[in-house]
Amino acid sequence: MRAVIQRVKSASVTVEGKVVSEIRKGLLVFLGVAQEDTPADVDYMASKIANLRIFEDDEGRMNLSILDVVVKPLSSLNSPLCGDCRKGRRPSFIAAARPEKADPLYQAFMDEISRLGVPVKAGIFQAMMDVELINDGPVTMMLDSNKLF
C-alpha cells in the first residue's frame, strides 16, 4: 500500500462539476492499493498516517499529529500510485490491485483511521475526480507499507 500525504490549507474533490468532499486545514491522502496488500497493510497505513507528526507545535517544529490538532484528512483511492515507471515510457499497472480487491481494502482503511479517532472524508471510488488543494508548507510525504523510501 502506498500513500502520498500532503499537509494542506484546504482541499476538495469534484466529480462531474459537483464538490463531493472538502476540508480546510488538514491532510490530503492519495492511497494506492497493490495486489499483494492485506489487512495488515491497512492497519500499518492508518496508524502511521494518524500518528505522523507533520503539524507544527507552538515553537514551529513538526511535532504534532492529526490526532493532536483539530483538522481532518481527505482521502482518495489512487491506483496509479502503484504504477511502475522504471522501464519504458508508459507506466505499468500490473502491481495495482483490481477494483474488487482495492475497494474493500480502501474502505477498511477509512474504517480503521476513523476508529483511531480521525474523522475522514473521501472521494468517490472509480470516479474521474478533480482534486484541488492549497499546500501548507509545502509538506509532502510518501509512505509505502512494503518499502522504505
C-alpha atoms as a PDB file:
ATOM      1  CA  MET A   1       0.000   0.000   0.000  1.00  0.00           C
ATOM      2  CA  ARG A   2       1.382   3.385  -0.968  1.00  0.00           C
ATOM      3  CA  ALA A   3       0.326   6.843   0.132  1.00  0.00           C
ATOM      4  CA  VAL A   4       1.226  10.383  -0.772  1.00  0.00           C
ATOM      5  CA  ILE A   5       0.281  12.661   2.097  1.00  0.00           C
ATOM      6  CA  GLN A   6       0.127  16.415   1.716  1.00  0.00           C
ATOM      7  CA  ARG A   7      -0.431  18.874   4.518  1.00  0.00           C
ATOM      8  CA  VAL A   8      -2.964  21.328   3.094  1.00  0.00           C
ATOM      9  CA  LYS A   9      -4.606  24.606   3.948  1.00  0.00           C
ATOM     10  CA  SER A  10      -7.654  23.332   2.030  1.00  0.00           C
ATOM     11  CA  ALA A  11      -8.585  20.584  -0.413  1.00  0.00           C
ATOM     12  CA  SER A  12     -11.627  19.471  -2.351  1.00  0.00           C
ATOM     13  CA  VAL A  13     -12.772  16.696  -4.656  1.00  0.00           C
ATOM     14  CA  THR A  14     -15.150  17.459  -7.507  1.00  0.00           C
ATOM     15  CA  VAL A  15     -16.972  14.834  -9.590  1.00  0.00           C
ATOM     16  CA  GLU A  16     -18.947  15.864 -12.678  1.00  0.00           C
ATOM     17  CA  GLY A  17     -18.856  19.522 -11.647  1.00  0.00           C
ATOM     18  CA  LYS A  18     -20.114  18.900  -8.085  1.00  0.00           C
ATOM     19  CA  VAL A  19     -17.947  19.192  -4.963  1.00  0.00           C
ATOM     20  CA  VAL A  20     -18.354  15.843  -3.207  1.00  0.00           C
ATOM     21  CA  SER A  21     -15.839  16.361  -0.387  1.00  0.00           C
ATOM     22  CA  GLU A  22     -13.825  19.225   1.016  1.00  0.00           C
ATOM     23  CA  ILE A  23     -11.725  20.120   4.026  1.00  0.00           C
ATOM     24  CA  ARG A  24      -9.992  23.147   5.438  1.00  0.00           C
ATOM     25  CA  LYS A  25      -6.615  22.702   7.151  1.00  0.00           C
ATOM     26  CA  GLY A  26      -5.676  19.028   7.239  1.00  0.00           C
ATOM     27  CA  LEU A  27      -4.145  16.205   5.231  1.00  0.00           C
ATOM     28  CA  LEU A  28      -4.820  15.138   1.680  1.00  0.00           C
ATOM     29  CA  VAL A  29      -4.094  11.415   1.367  1.00  0.00           C
ATOM     30  CA  PHE A  30      -3.759   9.694  -2.007  1.00  0.00           C
ATOM     31  CA  LEU A  31      -3.834   5.951  -1.301  1.00  0.00           C
ATOM     32  CA  GLY A  32      -2.743   3.256  -3.737  1.00  0.00           C
ATOM     33  CA  VAL A  33      -3.633  -0.406  -3.124  1.00  0.00           C
ATOM     34  CA  ALA A  34      -1.359  -3.091  -4.569  1.00  0.00           C
ATOM     35  CA  GLN A  35      -2.217  -6.690  -5.404  1.00  0.00           C
ATOM     36  CA  GLU A  36      -0.153  -8.028  -2.500  1.00  0.00           C
ATOM     37  CA  ASP A  37      -1.734  -5.743   0.123  1.00  0.00           C
ATOM     38  CA  THR A  38      -3.512  -7.270   3.100  1.00  0.00           C
ATOM     39  CA  PRO A  39      -5.409  -6.032   6.169  1.00  0.00           C
ATOM     40  CA  ALA A  40      -2.007  -5.739   7.904  1.00  0.00           C
ATOM     41  CA  ASP A  41      -1.064  -3.063   5.338  1.00  0.00           C
ATOM     42  CA  VAL A  42      -4.330  -1.251   6.113  1.00  0.00           C
ATOM     43  CA  ASP A  43      -3.573  -1.249   9.853  1.00  0.00           C
ATOM     44  CA  TYR A  44       0.006  -0.058   9.287  1.00  0.00           C
ATOM     45  CA  MET A  45      -1.013   2.757   6.952  1.00  0.00           C
ATOM     46  CA  ALA A  46      -3.925   4.003   9.088  1.00  0.00           C
ATOM     47  CA  SER A  47      -1.802   4.026  12.252  1.00  0.00           C
ATOM     48  CA  LYS A  48       1.170   5.640  10.521  1.00  0.00           C
ATOM     49  CA  ILE A  49      -0.934   8.424   8.990  1.00  0.00           C
ATOM     50  CA  ALA A  50      -2.924   9.060  12.183  1.00  0.00           C
ATOM     51  CA  ASN A  51       0.255   9.360  14.250  1.00  0.00           C
ATOM     52  CA  LEU A  52       2.584  11.024  11.731  1.00  0.00           C
ATOM     53  CA  ARG A  53       3.875  14.216  13.363  1.00  0.00           C
ATOM     54  CA  ILE A  54       3.789  16.702  10.497  1.00  0.00           C
ATOM     55  CA  PHE A  55       1.887  19.603  12.042  1.00  0.00           C
ATOM     56  CA  GLU A  56       3.779  22.404  13.759  1.00  0.00           C
ATOM     57  CA  ASP A  57       3.717  22.966  17.513  1.00  0.00           C
ATOM     58  CA  ASP A  58       3.882  26.407  19.186  1.00  0.00           C
ATOM     59  CA  GLU A  59       7.632  26.516  18.521  1.00  0.00           C
ATOM     60  CA  GLY A  60       7.217  25.889  14.781  1.00  0.00           C
ATOM     61  CA  ARG A  61       8.552  22.317  14.870  1.00  0.00           C
ATOM     62  CA  MET A  62       6.729  19.420  13.217  1.00  0.00           C
ATOM     63  CA  ASN A  63       5.773  17.759  16.457  1.00  0.00           C
ATOM     64  CA  LEU A  64       2.011  17.216  16.262  1.00  0.00           C
ATOM     65  CA  SER A  65      -0.064  14.546  14.552  1.00  0.00           C
ATOM     66  CA  ILE A  66      -3.529  14.870  13.081  1.00  0.00           C
ATOM     67  CA  LEU A  67      -4.755  13.416  16.389  1.00  0.00           C
ATOM     68  CA  ASP A  68      -3.239  16.422  18.207  1.00  0.00           C
ATOM     69  CA  VAL A  69      -4.792  19.144  16.045  1.00  0.00           C
ATOM     70  CA  VAL A  70      -8.401  19.803  15.117  1.00  0.00           C
ATOM     71  CA  VAL A  71      -8.204  19.040  11.393  1.00  0.00           C
ATOM     72  CA  LYS A  72      -9.452  16.350   9.038  1.00  0.00           C
ATOM     73  CA  PRO A  73      -7.927  14.268   6.289  1.00  0.00           C
ATOM     74  CA  LEU A  74      -9.400  13.923   2.823  1.00  0.00           C
ATOM     75  CA  SER A  75      -8.628  10.543   1.296  1.00  0.00           C
ATOM     76  CA  SER A  76      -8.777   9.411  -2.309  1.00  0.00           C
ATOM     77  CA  LEU A  77      -8.068   5.977  -3.749  1.00  0.00           C
ATOM     78  CA  ASN A  78      -5.383   6.493  -6.371  1.00  0.00           C
ATOM     79  CA  SER A  79      -4.437   3.262  -8.177  1.00  0.00           C
ATOM     80  CA  PRO A  80      -1.776   4.930 -10.359  1.00  0.00           C
ATOM     81  CA  LEU A  81       0.367   5.224  -7.202  1.00  0.00           C
ATOM     82  CA  CYS A  82       1.093   1.530  -7.736  1.00  0.00           C
ATOM     83  CA  GLY A  83       2.321   2.224 -11.240  1.00  0.00           C
ATOM     84  CA  ASP A  84       5.850   1.194 -12.162  1.00  0.00           C
ATOM     85  CA  CYS A  85       7.760   3.675 -14.333  1.00  0.00           C
ATOM     86  CA  ARG A  86      11.180   2.024 -14.217  1.00  0.00           C
ATOM     87  CA  LYS A  87      11.032   0.545 -17.730  1.00  0.00           C
ATOM     88  CA  GLY A  88       9.969   2.264 -20.922  1.00  0.00           C
ATOM     89  CA  ARG A  89       7.952   5.454 -21.072  1.00  0.00           C
ATOM     90  CA  ARG A  90       4.491   4.238 -20.161  1.00  0.00           C
ATOM     91  CA  PRO A  91       3.671   3.197 -16.564  1.00  0.00           C
ATOM     92  CA  SER A  92       2.807  -0.424 -15.878  1.00  0.00           C
ATOM     93  CA  PHE A  93      -0.105  -1.022 -13.522  1.00  0.00           C
ATOM     94  CA  ILE A  94       0.365  -4.773 -13.135  1.00  0.00           C
ATOM     95  CA  ALA A  95       1.065  -4.374  -9.389  1.00  0.00           C
ATOM     96  CA  ALA A  96      -2.108  -2.342  -8.726  1.00  0.00           C
ATOM     97  CA  ALA A  97      -4.984  -4.200  -7.107  1.00  0.00           C
ATOM     98  CA  ARG A  98      -8.088  -4.840  -9.197  1.00  0.00           C
ATOM     99  CA  PRO A  99     -11.176  -2.859  -8.097  1.00  0.00           C
ATOM    100  CA  GLU A 100     -12.769  -5.872  -6.396  1.00  0.00           C
ATOM    101  CA  LYS A 101      -9.753  -6.032  -4.041  1.00  0.00           C
ATOM    102  CA  ALA A 102      -8.853  -2.339  -3.886  1.00  0.00           C
ATOM    103  CA  ASP A 103     -12.271  -1.057  -2.812  1.00  0.00           C
ATOM    104  CA  PRO A 104     -12.669  -3.313   0.273  1.00  0.00           C
ATOM    105  CA  LEU A 105      -9.120  -2.508   1.433  1.00  0.00           C
ATOM    106  CA  TYR A 106      -9.696   1.209   0.867  1.00  0.00           C
ATOM    107  CA  GLN A 107     -12.957   1.016   2.836  1.00  0.00           C
ATOM    108  CA  ALA A 108     -11.117  -0.893   5.585  1.00  0.00           C
ATOM    109  CA  PHE A 109      -8.510   1.904   5.661  1.00  0.00           C
ATOM    110  CA  MET A 110     -11.263   4.507   6.016  1.00  0.00           C
ATOM    111  CA  ASP A 111     -12.884   2.495   8.829  1.00  0.00           C
ATOM    112  CA  GLU A 112      -9.572   1.936  10.649  1.00  0.00           C
ATOM    113  CA  ILE A 113      -8.402   5.548  10.529  1.00  0.00           C
ATOM    114  CA  SER A 114     -11.844   6.637  11.761  1.00  0.00           C
ATOM    115  CA  ARG A 115     -11.633   4.057  14.572  1.00  0.00           C
ATOM    116  CA  LEU A 116      -8.301   5.607  15.586  1.00  0.00           C
ATOM    117  CA  GLY A 117     -10.120   8.899  16.151  1.00  0.00           C
ATOM    118  CA  VAL A 118      -9.526  10.640  12.839  1.00  0.00           C
ATOM    119  CA  PRO A 119     -12.752  11.745  11.121  1.00  0.00           C
ATOM    120  CA  VAL A 120     -12.069  11.359   7.412  1.00  0.00           C
ATOM    121  CA  LYS A 121     -13.732  12.498   4.201  1.00  0.00           C
ATOM    122  CA  ALA A 122     -13.375  10.735   0.863  1.00  0.00           C
ATOM    123  CA  GLY A 123     -13.685  10.942  -2.881  1.00  0.00           C
ATOM    124  CA  ILE A 124     -15.826   8.513  -4.914  1.00  0.00           C
ATOM    125  CA  PHE A 125     -14.433   5.103  -5.833  1.00  0.00           C
ATOM    126  CA  GLN A 126     -13.667   4.741  -9.582  1.00  0.00           C
ATOM    127  CA  ALA A 127     -14.972   8.221 -10.400  1.00  0.00           C
ATOM    128  CA  MET A 128     -12.979  10.685 -12.502  1.00  0.00           C
ATOM    129  CA  MET A 129     -12.154  13.215  -9.795  1.00  0.00           C
ATOM    130  CA  ASP A 130     -10.790  16.729  -9.948  1.00  0.00           C
ATOM    131  CA  VAL A 131      -8.720  17.333  -6.815  1.00  0.00           C
ATOM    132  CA  GLU A 132      -7.878  20.891  -5.811  1.00  0.00           C
ATOM    133  CA  LEU A 133      -5.567  21.773  -2.957  1.00  0.00           C
ATOM    134  CA  ILE A 134      -3.571  24.535  -1.402  1.00  0.00           C
ATOM    135  CA  ASN A 135      -0.375  23.059   0.012  1.00  0.00           C
ATOM    136  CA  ASP A 136       0.681  24.053   3.512  1.00  0.00           C
ATOM    137  CA  GLY A 137       4.438  24.315   3.691  1.00  0.00           C
ATOM    138  CA  PRO A 138       4.600  22.535   1.322  1.00  0.00           C
ATOM    139  CA  VAL A 139       4.830  19.348   3.348  1.00  0.00           C
ATOM    140  CA  THR A 140       4.504  16.191   1.241  1.00  0.00           C
ATOM    141  CA  MET A 141       5.382  12.709   2.485  1.00  0.00           C
ATOM    142  CA  MET A 142       5.448   9.329   0.772  1.00  0.00           C
ATOM    143  CA  LEU A 143       4.675   6.122   2.652  1.00  0.00           C
ATOM    144  CA  ASP A 144       4.853   2.525   1.498  1.00  0.00           C
ATOM    145  CA  SER A 145       3.828  -0.364   3.730  1.00  0.00           C
ATOM    146  CA  ASN A 146       6.240  -2.655   1.877  1.00  0.00           C
ATOM    147  CA  LYS A 147       9.319  -0.494   1.169  1.00  0.00           C
ATOM    148  CA  LEU A 148      11.367   2.322   2.567  1.00  0.00           C
ATOM    149  CA  PHE A 149      11.854   5.489   0.539  1.00  0.00           C
END
